Amino acid sequence: MAHNTDLPIYEELAKYPQRAQRFGDAMTLFNSDQGFEPSYLVDNYDFANIHTGTVVDVGGSHGSVSIEIVQKHPNLHCVVQDFAPVIEEGKRQLPSNLAKQISFMEHDFFNKQPVKGADVYFFRWIFHNWSDKYAIKILRNLIPALKKGARVIINEVCLPKQGAITALMERTGR
């Protein structure tokens, strides 16, 4: 309503590369906030068991989580997917020493997953933005791409009961 559009937020952002870049930068900053660091995922999921596989970071913004994954597990390859302006900024920000381990791909997760046969399809903070019918559509778009044994990792924020955390964390989360 504030921007006089009926488009979903990400489609609206995609029309304005500078705004999309700011949004991606904000998500990268949010990853550094206490309790939201990607290290919780990277240090506690058994990525080492994948050996030399492929991780698709669906809606991965500038690739900050993928960067942490390949820094700890240099045998992996990550494909970061997002809207074009966000992906272009991610490519610009990527440290050159990680260019062989991380690639970027424009992809709208409401369309079929183009990377077939990956070992992991990873969603970090995606589903909380969508009602059930859209979350189901996003997941169904994965089905044709999945190989036997592929993993789908969903890393979301779960909100505790009101009053269980500090007022600042409460405001941020809700």
Foldseek 3Di string as FASTA:
>chain_A
DVVPDPDDPQVVCLVPLVSLQVVLVVVVVVCPPPPNPLCVVLVPDPPVVVQQFEEEEEQCFLCPNVVVNCVVVVSYAYEYEEADSRQVVSVVPDDPVCVVRYHYDYDDLLAADPAADTQEYEYEADPVSDPPVSVVSSVVSDVVRYDPNRYYYYHYDDDDPPPPDDPVVVVVVD
